Amino acid sequence: MNREELKQKLDELKVYPGFYSLEGELLPDRIVLYQNYAKWEVFYFDERGNRDNEKVFFSESEACNYIYEHFKKQKEIEKKYQ
């Protein structure tokens, strides 16, 4: 999966676009996908500029799948408690 496919899948899940950044923009309070040379970093960027729960992947596909699974699980939890 690439970023474009991930965006489509997140739209299907109805994930608010303000919860993530797929182009590496360091905007606060969201999950960021950041390409750093040959590796892909995924992290939560908080309002103070800290990177939390940072994961490193060596392919775009692995990073995108990780983000998709994260939001998919989050949606399942939301459904359970509605």
PDB file of N, CA and C in Angstrom:
ATOM      1  N   MET A   1       0.848  -1.177   0.000  1.00  0.00           N
ATOM      2  CA  MET A   1       0.000   0.000   0.000  1.00  0.00           C
ATOM      3  C   MET A   1       0.895   1.243   0.000  1.00  0.00           C
ATOM      4  N   ASN A   2       0.495   2.248  -0.755  1.00  0.00           N
ATOM      5  CA  ASN A   2       1.239   3.506  -0.751  1.00  0.00           C
ATOM      6  C   ASN A   2       0.378   4.591  -0.085  1.00  0.00           C
ATOM      7  N   ARG A   3       0.898   5.805  -0.043  1.00  0.00           N
ATOM      8  CA  ARG A   3       0.188   6.893   0.646  1.00  0.00           C
ATOM      9  C   ARG A   3      -1.168   7.191   0.021  1.00  0.00           C
ATOM     10  N   GLU A   4      -1.229   7.142  -1.290  1.00  0.00           N
ATOM     11  CA  GLU A   4      -2.491   7.421  -1.974  1.00  0.00           C
ATOM     12  C   GLU A   4      -3.550   6.369  -1.623  1.00  0.00           C
ATOM     13  N   GLU A   5      -3.150   5.106  -1.648  1.00  0.00           N
ATOM     14  CA  GLU A   5      -4.071   4.025  -1.281  1.00  0.00           C
ATOM     15  C   GLU A   5      -4.462   4.124   0.189  1.00  0.00           C
ATOM     16  N   LEU A   6      -3.506   4.483   1.030  1.00  0.00           N
ATOM     17  CA  LEU A   6      -3.806   4.644   2.453  1.00  0.00           C
ATOM     18  C   LEU A   6      -4.840   5.741   2.653  1.00  0.00           C
ATOM     19  N   LYS A   7      -4.686   6.850   1.975  1.00  0.00           N
ATOM     20  CA  LYS A   7      -5.638   7.963   2.083  1.00  0.00           C
ATOM     21  C   LYS A   7      -7.038   7.487   1.731  1.00  0.00           C
ATOM     22  N   GLN A   8      -7.162   6.703   0.663  1.00  0.00           N
ATOM     23  CA  GLN A   8      -8.471   6.176   0.259  1.00  0.00           C
ATOM     24  C   GLN A   8      -9.061   5.286   1.346  1.00  0.00           C
ATOM     25  N   LYS A   9      -8.225   4.415   1.912  1.00  0.00           N
ATOM     26  CA  LYS A   9      -8.713   3.501   2.944  1.00  0.00           C
ATOM     27  C   LYS A   9      -9.108   4.251   4.216  1.00  0.00           C
ATOM     28  N   LEU A  10      -8.361   5.291   4.568  1.00  0.00           N
ATOM     29  CA  LEU A  10      -8.718   6.086   5.746  1.00  0.00           C
ATOM     30  C   LEU A  10     -10.021   6.842   5.499  1.00  0.00           C
ATOM     31  N   ASP A  11     -10.221   7.294   4.276  1.00  0.00           N
ATOM     32  CA  ASP A  11     -11.492   7.948   3.926  1.00  0.00           C
ATOM     33  C   ASP A  11     -12.654   6.958   4.061  1.00  0.00           C
ATOM     34  N   GLU A  12     -12.436   5.713   3.620  1.00  0.00           N
ATOM     35  CA  GLU A  12     -13.474   4.681   3.744  1.00  0.00           C
ATOM     36  C   GLU A  12     -13.810   4.409   5.201  1.00  0.00           C
ATOM     37  N   LEU A  13     -12.798   4.466   6.068  1.00  0.00           N
ATOM     38  CA  LEU A  13     -13.027   4.267   7.502  1.00  0.00           C
ATOM     39  C   LEU A  13     -13.643   5.504   8.161  1.00  0.00           C
ATOM     40  N   LYS A  14     -13.709   6.599   7.402  1.00  0.00           N
ATOM     41  CA  LYS A  14     -14.207   7.883   7.898  1.00  0.00           C
ATOM     42  C   LYS A  14     -13.326   8.456   9.006  1.00  0.00           C
ATOM     43  N   VAL A  15     -12.016   8.353   8.796  1.00  0.00           N
ATOM     44  CA  VAL A  15     -11.048   8.941   9.727  1.00  0.00           C
ATOM     45  C   VAL A  15     -10.902  10.417   9.370  1.00  0.00           C
ATOM     46  N   TYR A  16     -11.084  11.272  10.335  1.00  0.00           N
ATOM     47  CA  TYR A  16     -10.966  12.712  10.129  1.00  0.00           C
ATOM     48  C   TYR A  16      -9.551  13.044   9.655  1.00  0.00           C
ATOM     49  N   PRO A  17      -9.394  13.757   8.521  1.00  0.00           N
ATOM     50  CA  PRO A  17      -8.065  14.058   7.968  1.00  0.00           C
ATOM     51  C   PRO A  17      -7.152  14.849   8.910  1.00  0.00           C
ATOM     52  N   GLY A  18      -7.711  15.516   9.891  1.00  0.00           N
ATOM     53  CA  GLY A  18      -6.907  16.252  10.861  1.00  0.00           C
ATOM     54  C   GLY A  18      -6.208  15.358  11.874  1.00  0.00           C
ATOM     55  N   PHE A  19      -6.471  14.056  11.814  1.00  0.00           N
ATOM     56  CA  PHE A  19      -5.831  13.113  12.734  1.00  0.00           C
ATOM     57  C   PHE A  19      -4.513  12.568  12.203  1.00  0.00           C
ATOM     58  N   TYR A  20      -4.183  12.870  10.937  1.00  0.00           N
ATOM     59  CA  TYR A  20      -2.965  12.308  10.356  1.00  0.00           C
ATOM     60  C   TYR A  20      -2.358  13.254   9.332  1.00  0.00           C
ATOM     61  N   SER A  21      -1.085  13.006   9.026  1.00  0.00           N
ATOM     62  CA  SER A  21      -0.344  13.742   8.001  1.00  0.00           C
ATOM     63  C   SER A  21       0.451  12.715   7.201  1.00  0.00           C
ATOM     64  N   LEU A  22       0.128  12.567   5.934  1.00  0.00           N
ATOM     65  CA  LEU A  22       0.774  11.546   5.110  1.00  0.00           C
ATOM     66  C   LEU A  22       1.882  12.100   4.225  1.00  0.00           C
ATOM     67  N   GLU A  23       2.050  13.398   4.216  1.00  0.00           N
ATOM     68  CA  GLU A  23       3.074  14.021   3.371  1.00  0.00           C
ATOM     69  C   GLU A  23       4.255  14.560   4.170  1.00  0.00           C
ATOM     70  N   GLY A  24       4.336  14.188   5.448  1.00  0.00           N
ATOM     71  CA  GLY A  24       5.477  14.591   6.258  1.00  0.00           C
ATOM     72  C   GLY A  24       5.358  15.944   6.927  1.00  0.00           C
ATOM     73  N   GLU A  25       4.210  16.624   6.783  1.00  0.00           N
ATOM     74  CA  GLU A  25       4.046  17.909   7.452  1.00  0.00           C
ATOM     75  C   GLU A  25       4.026  17.679   8.963  1.00  0.00           C
ATOM     76  N   LEU A  26       4.792  18.468   9.658  1.00  0.00           N
ATOM     77  CA  LEU A  26       4.874  18.329  11.109  1.00  0.00           C
ATOM     78  C   LEU A  26       3.834  19.222  11.773  1.00  0.00           C
ATOM     79  N   LEU A  27       2.587  18.804  11.642  1.00  0.00           N
ATOM     80  CA  LEU A  27       1.482  19.525  12.242  1.00  0.00           C
ATOM     81  C   LEU A  27       1.136  18.871  13.573  1.00  0.00           C
ATOM     82  N   PRO A  28       0.831  19.663  14.594  1.00  0.00           N
ATOM     83  CA  PRO A  28       0.633  19.104  15.938  1.00  0.00           C
ATOM     84  C   PRO A  28      -0.622  18.244  16.075  1.00  0.00           C
ATOM     85  N   ASP A  29      -0.544  17.346  17.028  1.00  0.00           N
ATOM     86  CA  ASP A  29      -1.664  16.523  17.464  1.00  0.00           C
ATOM     87  C   ASP A  29      -2.179  15.600  16.365  1.00  0.00           C
ATOM     88  N   ARG A  30      -1.242  14.889  15.728  1.00  0.00           N
ATOM     89  CA  ARG A  30      -1.636  13.936  14.692  1.00  0.00           C
ATOM     90  C   ARG A  30      -0.554  12.886  14.463  1.00  0.00           C
ATOM     91  N   ILE A  31      -0.930  11.819  13.797  1.00  0.00           N
ATOM     92  CA  ILE A  31      -0.006  10.771  13.376  1.00  0.00           C
ATOM     93  C   ILE A  31       0.666  11.246  12.093  1.00  0.00           C
ATOM     94  N   VAL A  32       1.983  11.194  12.051  1.00  0.00           N
ATOM     95  CA  VAL A  32       2.740  11.692  10.899  1.00  0.00           C
ATOM     96  C   VAL A  32       3.473  10.535  10.216  1.00  0.00           C
ATOM     97  N   LEU A  33       3.393  10.513   8.895  1.00  0.00           N
ATOM     98  CA  LEU A  33       4.197   9.608   8.065  1.00  0.00           C
ATOM     99  C   LEU A  33       5.280  10.472   7.436  1.00  0.00           C
ATOM    100  N   TYR A  34       6.523  10.159   7.735  1.00  0.00           N
ATOM    101  CA  TYR A  34       7.645  11.008   7.324  1.00  0.00           C
ATOM    102  C   TYR A  34       8.703  10.160   6.634  1.00  0.00           C
ATOM    103  N   GLN A  35       9.051  10.527   5.408  1.00  0.00           N
ATOM    104  CA  GLN A  35      10.105   9.803   4.695  1.00  0.00           C
ATOM    105  C   GLN A  35      11.437  10.452   5.031  1.00  0.00           C
ATOM    106  N   ASN A  36      12.333   9.672   5.607  1.00  0.00           N
ATOM    107  CA  ASN A  36      13.650  10.148   6.008  1.00  0.00           C
ATOM    108  C   ASN A  36      14.687   9.331   5.239  1.00  0.00           C
ATOM    109  N   TYR A  37      15.037   9.827   4.070  1.00  0.00           N
ATOM    110  CA  TYR A  37      15.937   9.127   3.148  1.00  0.00           C
ATOM    111  C   TYR A  37      15.357   7.755   2.813  1.00  0.00           C
ATOM    112  N   ALA A  38      16.034   6.670   3.163  1.00  0.00           N
ATOM    113  CA  ALA A  38      15.574   5.329   2.772  1.00  0.00           C
ATOM    114  C   ALA A  38      14.612   4.715   3.775  1.00  0.00           C
ATOM    115  N   LYS A  39      14.293   5.422   4.847  1.00  0.00           N
ATOM    116  CA  LYS A  39      13.386   4.845   5.838  1.00  0.00           C
ATOM    117  C   LYS A  39      12.140   5.710   5.993  1.00  0.00           C
ATOM    118  N   TRP A  40      11.123   5.081   6.523  1.00  0.00           N
ATOM    119  CA  TRP A  40       9.831   5.727   6.741  1.00  0.00           C
ATOM    120  C   TRP A  40       9.575   5.749   8.237  1.00  0.00           C
ATOM    121  N   GLU A  41       9.272   6.914   8.756  1.00  0.00           N
ATOM    122  CA  GLU A  41       9.017   7.067  10.184  1.00  0.00           C
ATOM    123  C   GLU A  41       7.540   7.378  10.389  1.00  0.00           C
ATOM    124  N   VAL A  42       6.975   6.756  11.416  1.00  0.00           N
ATOM    125  CA  VAL A  42       5.597   7.012  11.808  1.00  0.00           C
ATOM    126  C   VAL A  42       5.636   7.371  13.285  1.00  0.00           C
ATOM    127  N   PHE A  43       5.008   8.485  13.623  1.00  0.00           N
ATOM    128  CA  PHE A  43       4.998   8.913  15.023  1.00  0.00           C
ATOM    129  C   PHE A  43       3.829   9.849  15.280  1.00  0.00           C
ATOM    130  N   TYR A  44       3.507   9.989  16.568  1.00  0.00           N
ATOM    131  CA  TYR A  44       2.518  10.979  16.982  1.00  0.00           C
ATOM    132  C   TYR A  44       3.283  12.253  17.289  1.00  0.00           C
ATOM    133  N   PHE A  45       2.899  13.359  16.663  1.00  0.00           N
ATOM    134  CA  PHE A  45       3.555  14.651  16.861  1.00  0.00           C
ATOM    135  C   PHE A  45       2.658  15.483  17.758  1.00  0.00           C
ATOM    136  N   ASP A  46       3.093  15.705  19.005  1.00  0.00           N
ATOM    137  CA  ASP A  46       2.229  16.412  19.946  1.00  0.00           C
ATOM    138  C   ASP A  46       2.321  17.930  19.802  1.00  0.00           C
ATOM    139  N   GLU A  47       1.496  18.624  20.575  1.00  0.00           N
ATOM    140  CA  GLU A  47       1.407  20.078  20.459  1.00  0.00           C
ATOM    141  C   GLU A  47       2.659  20.803  20.931  1.00  0.00           C
ATOM    142  N   ARG A  48       3.557  20.111  21.613  1.00  0.00           N
ATOM    143  CA  ARG A  48       4.815  20.706  22.059  1.00  0.00           C
ATOM    144  C   ARG A  48       5.982  20.375  21.125  1.00  0.00           C
ATOM    145  N   GLY A  49       5.700  19.661  20.059  1.00  0.00           N
ATOM    146  CA  GLY A  49       6.731  19.317  19.092  1.00  0.00           C
ATOM    147  C   GLY A  49       7.487  18.040  19.398  1.00  0.00           C
ATOM    148  N   ASN A  50       6.951  17.238  20.307  1.00  0.00           N
ATOM    149  CA  ASN A  50       7.589  15.966  20.660  1.00  0.00           C
ATOM    150  C   ASN A  50       7.076  14.853  19.754  1.00  0.00           C
ATOM    151  N   ARG A  51       7.959  13.904  19.476  1.00  0.00           N
ATOM    152  CA  ARG A  51       7.585  12.705  18.723  1.00  0.00           C
ATOM    153  C   ARG A  51       7.370  11.574  19.719  1.00  0.00           C
ATOM    154  N   ASP A  52       6.175  11.031  19.724  1.00  0.00           N
ATOM    155  CA  ASP A  52       5.852   9.928  20.628  1.00  0.00           C
ATOM    156  C   ASP A  52       5.529   8.683  19.822  1.00  0.00           C
ATOM    157  N   ASN A  53       5.762   7.524  20.429  1.00  0.00           N
ATOM    158  CA  ASN A  53       5.454   6.226  19.804  1.00  0.00           C
ATOM    159  C   ASN A  53       6.063   6.104  18.415  1.00  0.00           C
ATOM    160  N   GLU A  54       7.312   6.488  18.290  1.00  0.00           N
ATOM    161  CA  GLU A  54       7.981   6.483  16.993  1.00  0.00           C
ATOM    162  C   GLU A  54       8.318   5.067  16.536  1.00  0.00           C
ATOM    163  N   LYS A  55       7.974   4.781  15.285  1.00  0.00           N
ATOM    164  CA  LYS A  55       8.278   3.492  14.651  1.00  0.00           C
ATOM    165  C   LYS A  55       9.019   3.782  13.350  1.00  0.00           C
ATOM    166  N   VAL A  56       9.958   2.918  12.998  1.00  0.00           N
ATOM    167  CA  VAL A  56      10.731   3.088  11.767  1.00  0.00           C
ATOM    168  C   VAL A  56      10.501   1.865  10.879  1.00  0.00           C
ATOM    169  N   PHE A  57      10.244   2.134   9.602  1.00  0.00           N
ATOM    170  CA  PHE A  57      10.014   1.077   8.623  1.00  0.00           C
ATOM    171  C   PHE A  57      10.946   1.297   7.440  1.00  0.00           C
ATOM    172  N   PHE A  58      11.218   0.249   6.704  1.00  0.00           N
ATOM    173  CA  PHE A  58      12.118   0.341   5.569  1.00  0.00           C
ATOM    174  C   PHE A  58      11.402   0.258   4.233  1.00  0.00           C
ATOM    175  N   SER A  59      10.053   0.368   4.281  1.00  0.00           N
ATOM    176  CA  SER A  59       9.284   0.479   3.050  1.00  0.00           C
ATOM    177  C   SER A  59       8.040   1.322   3.317  1.00  0.00           C
ATOM    178  N   GLU A  60       7.599   2.004   2.285  1.00  0.00           N
ATOM    179  CA  GLU A  60       6.382   2.813   2.382  1.00  0.00           C
ATOM    180  C   GLU A  60       5.187   1.924   2.709  1.00  0.00           C
ATOM    181  N   SER A  61       5.153   0.756   2.111  1.00  0.00           N
ATOM    182  CA  SER A  61       4.046  -0.166   2.312  1.00  0.00           C
ATOM    183  C   SER A  61       3.902  -0.586   3.776  1.00  0.00           C
ATOM    184  N   GLU A  62       5.007  -0.941   4.407  1.00  0.00           N
ATOM    185  CA  GLU A  62       4.960  -1.339   5.822  1.00  0.00           C
ATOM    186  C   GLU A  62       4.451  -0.195   6.690  1.00  0.00           C
ATOM    187  N   ALA A  63       4.939   1.006   6.443  1.00  0.00           N
ATOM    188  CA  ALA A  63       4.534   2.164   7.233  1.00  0.00           C
ATOM    189  C   ALA A  63       3.051   2.464   7.038  1.00  0.00           C
ATOM    190  N   CYS A  64       2.595   2.406   5.798  1.00  0.00           N
ATOM    191  CA  CYS A  64       1.189   2.673   5.508  1.00  0.00           C
ATOM    192  C   CYS A  64       0.279   1.618   6.132  1.00  0.00           C
ATOM    193  N   ASN A  65       0.686   0.368   6.061  1.00  0.00           N
ATOM    194  CA  ASN A  65      -0.100  -0.701   6.684  1.00  0.00           C
ATOM    195  C   ASN A  65      -0.187  -0.512   8.191  1.00  0.00           C
ATOM    196  N   TYR A  66       0.905  -0.084   8.805  1.00  0.00           N
ATOM    197  CA  TYR A  66       0.918   0.176  10.243  1.00  0.00           C
ATOM    198  C   TYR A  66      -0.104   1.262  10.601  1.00  0.00           C
ATOM    199  N   ILE A  67      -0.097   2.353   9.841  1.00  0.00           N
ATOM    200  CA  ILE A  67      -1.033   3.453  10.105  1.00  0.00           C
ATOM    201  C   ILE A  67      -2.472   2.992   9.899  1.00  0.00           C
ATOM    202  N   TYR A  68      -2.708   2.251   8.827  1.00  0.00           N
ATOM    203  CA  TYR A  68      -4.056   1.754   8.559  1.00  0.00           C
ATOM    204  C   TYR A  68      -4.556   0.877   9.705  1.00  0.00           C
ATOM    205  N   GLU A  69      -3.727  -0.046  10.154  1.00  0.00           N
ATOM    206  CA  GLU A  69      -4.118  -0.932  11.260  1.00  0.00           C
ATOM    207  C   GLU A  69      -4.374  -0.138  12.534  1.00  0.00           C
ATOM    208  N   HIS A  70      -3.584   0.889  12.777  1.00  0.00           N
ATOM    209  CA  HIS A  70      -3.773   1.753  13.954  1.00  0.00           C
ATOM    210  C   HIS A  70      -5.168   2.366  13.946  1.00  0.00           C
ATOM    211  N   PHE A  71      -5.550   2.997  12.843  1.00  0.00           N
ATOM    212  CA  PHE A  71      -6.849   3.648  12.767  1.00  0.00           C
ATOM    213  C   PHE A  71      -7.994   2.646  12.698  1.00  0.00           C
ATOM    214  N   LYS A  72      -7.756   1.497  12.089  1.00  0.00           N
ATOM    215  CA  LYS A  72      -8.781   0.451  12.034  1.00  0.00           C
ATOM    216  C   LYS A  72      -9.113  -0.034  13.444  1.00  0.00           C
ATOM    217  N   LYS A  73      -8.079  -0.271  14.250  1.00  0.00           N
ATOM    218  CA  LYS A  73      -8.298  -0.693  15.638  1.00  0.00           C
ATOM    219  C   LYS A  73      -9.010   0.395  16.429  1.00  0.00           C
ATOM    220  N   GLN A  74      -8.627   1.628  16.198  1.00  0.00           N
ATOM    221  CA  GLN A  74      -9.251   2.750  16.895  1.00  0.00           C
ATOM    222  C   GLN A  74     -10.758   2.816  16.574  1.00  0.00           C
ATOM    223  N   LYS A  75     -11.096   2.610  15.316  1.00  0.00           N
ATOM    224  CA  LYS A  75     -12.506   2.627  14.913  1.00  0.00           C
ATOM    225  C   LYS A  75     -13.277   1.466  15.538  1.00  0.00           C
ATOM    226  N   GLU A  76     -12.637   0.296  15.646  1.00  0.00           N
ATOM    227  CA  GLU A  76     -13.286  -0.857  16.275  1.00  0.00           C
ATOM    228  C   GLU A  76     -13.579  -0.575  17.741  1.00  0.00           C
ATOM    229  N   ILE A  77     -12.660   0.084  18.420  1.00  0.00           N
ATOM    230  CA  ILE A  77     -12.860   0.448  19.827  1.00  0.00           C
ATOM    231  C   ILE A  77     -13.995   1.456  19.951  1.00  0.00           C
ATOM    232  N   GLU A  78     -14.024   2.444  19.058  1.00  0.00           N
ATOM    233  CA  GLU A  78     -15.097   3.442  19.075  1.00  0.00           C
ATOM    234  C   GLU A  78     -16.460   2.781  18.908  1.00  0.00           C
ATOM    235  N   LYS A  79     -16.563   1.834  17.966  1.00  0.00           N
ATOM    236  CA  LYS A  79     -17.824   1.135  17.733  1.00  0.00           C
ATOM    237  C   LYS A  79     -18.271   0.379  18.974  1.00  0.00           C
ATOM    238  N   LYS A  80     -17.315  -0.238  19.628  1.00  0.00           N
ATOM    239  CA  LYS A  80     -17.616  -1.056  20.802  1.00  0.00           C
ATOM    240  C   LYS A  80     -18.239  -0.219  21.918  1.00  0.00           C
ATOM    241  N   TYR A  81     -17.833   1.025  22.044  1.00  0.00           N
ATOM    242  CA  TYR A  81     -18.302   1.849  23.146  1.00  0.00           C
ATOM    243  C   TYR A  81     -19.357   2.878  22.752  1.00  0.00           C
ATOM    244  N   GLN A  82     -19.940   2.729  21.569  1.00  0.00           N
ATOM    245  CA  GLN A  82     -21.023   3.638  21.169  1.00  0.00           C
ATOM    246  C   GLN A  82     -22.364   3.059  21.464  1.00  0.00           C
TER     247      GLN A  82
END
